[in-house]
Amino acid sequence: MTPLASAGDGKRRADPRRRRIVRGILVMLVAAIGNAGCTHDIHLAPAPPLAAATTTTGPWASMIFAARTDSGVVVIDLGWTGADKALRSLLTQLGATTADVRWTFLTHAHRDHIGAWRTVQASTLVLGRDEIPFFTGSARYTGLVPRIGDRLVSYPHPGKGELRLLPIATDTAFVLGRDTLRAFPVPGHTAGSTVYLFRETLFAGDAVNWRVTSGFRGARSEYSDDPKRSRASLASLLRRIDSAGVRWRVLCTAHGKCGLADSTLRARILR
């Protein structure tokens, strides 16, 4: 005879799932504390009246950058909580509206950098070719924190044909009148991570991280799909920029941490 399940059995069966959820929440909280929401020297990024940067709210700050060019307004990354309001406020500082945004460039598609994607639907959205499945929701990240986040809380992805996507897989220059924006794939943090060099500032996404205790470093392992590959990509990036003879003066992460690109910073980001 098959014994009847007791009330305690259901509780025991539920416990492993409850423990996984609690463990996931704790990991997310620890990660959020480690990626504290304050900015660092964000004033080093190109500034008004032709450009401006801001950060969105949430567990940690996520940067949105916008600039006027001869080819319309360009935006780099789209923030997280409150991103729509933050982006519109940023554009107001430039005397622009969402209708003026012609180009949007994503360093990667983790949820904390794509919040305002609906706000820029009229623009061409540029991102790494291998990042598109993650942006559209047909693939899942393998990094610890993003993986746990995906299991705990879903978030909206664009549907087929909802956005005009331009995938890139090699170093690419976008000529925007008197400006040139250069895109460099740096896979590792995510499969399609890309950095952008614009007006002597390298927008490094999360391929570079900054912490109060250690300063600038390479991508954080708990957020990354392949940290080792990310370090190799950064080393290759520095060689490619030097070979192209392109000047860069400032580096900014996707969380509003900026610094002067001296020899010390360049060495530290490879660690």
Foldseek 3Di string as FASTA:
>chain_A
DDDDDDPVVVVVVCVVVVVLLVVLVVVLLVVLVQQAADFAPLVVPDPPPFKHKDFDDDSHTFMKIWGQFLQFIEIEFQFAVPRLVVVQVRQVSNVHGLVRYAEYEYQAQQRGGCHCVLSNQVYEYEFAPQRVCVQQVVDAADFQNSVSVCVPDPDDHDDPPSHRYDHDHAWDWDDGDVWIKIKHAQAKQHRTGIWIATPQEIAREQQWGQGPVQGIEGHDRNNGRHNVSSLVSLVVVVVVCVVVVHHHFKYAYRSNYMDGPDPVNSVRHSD
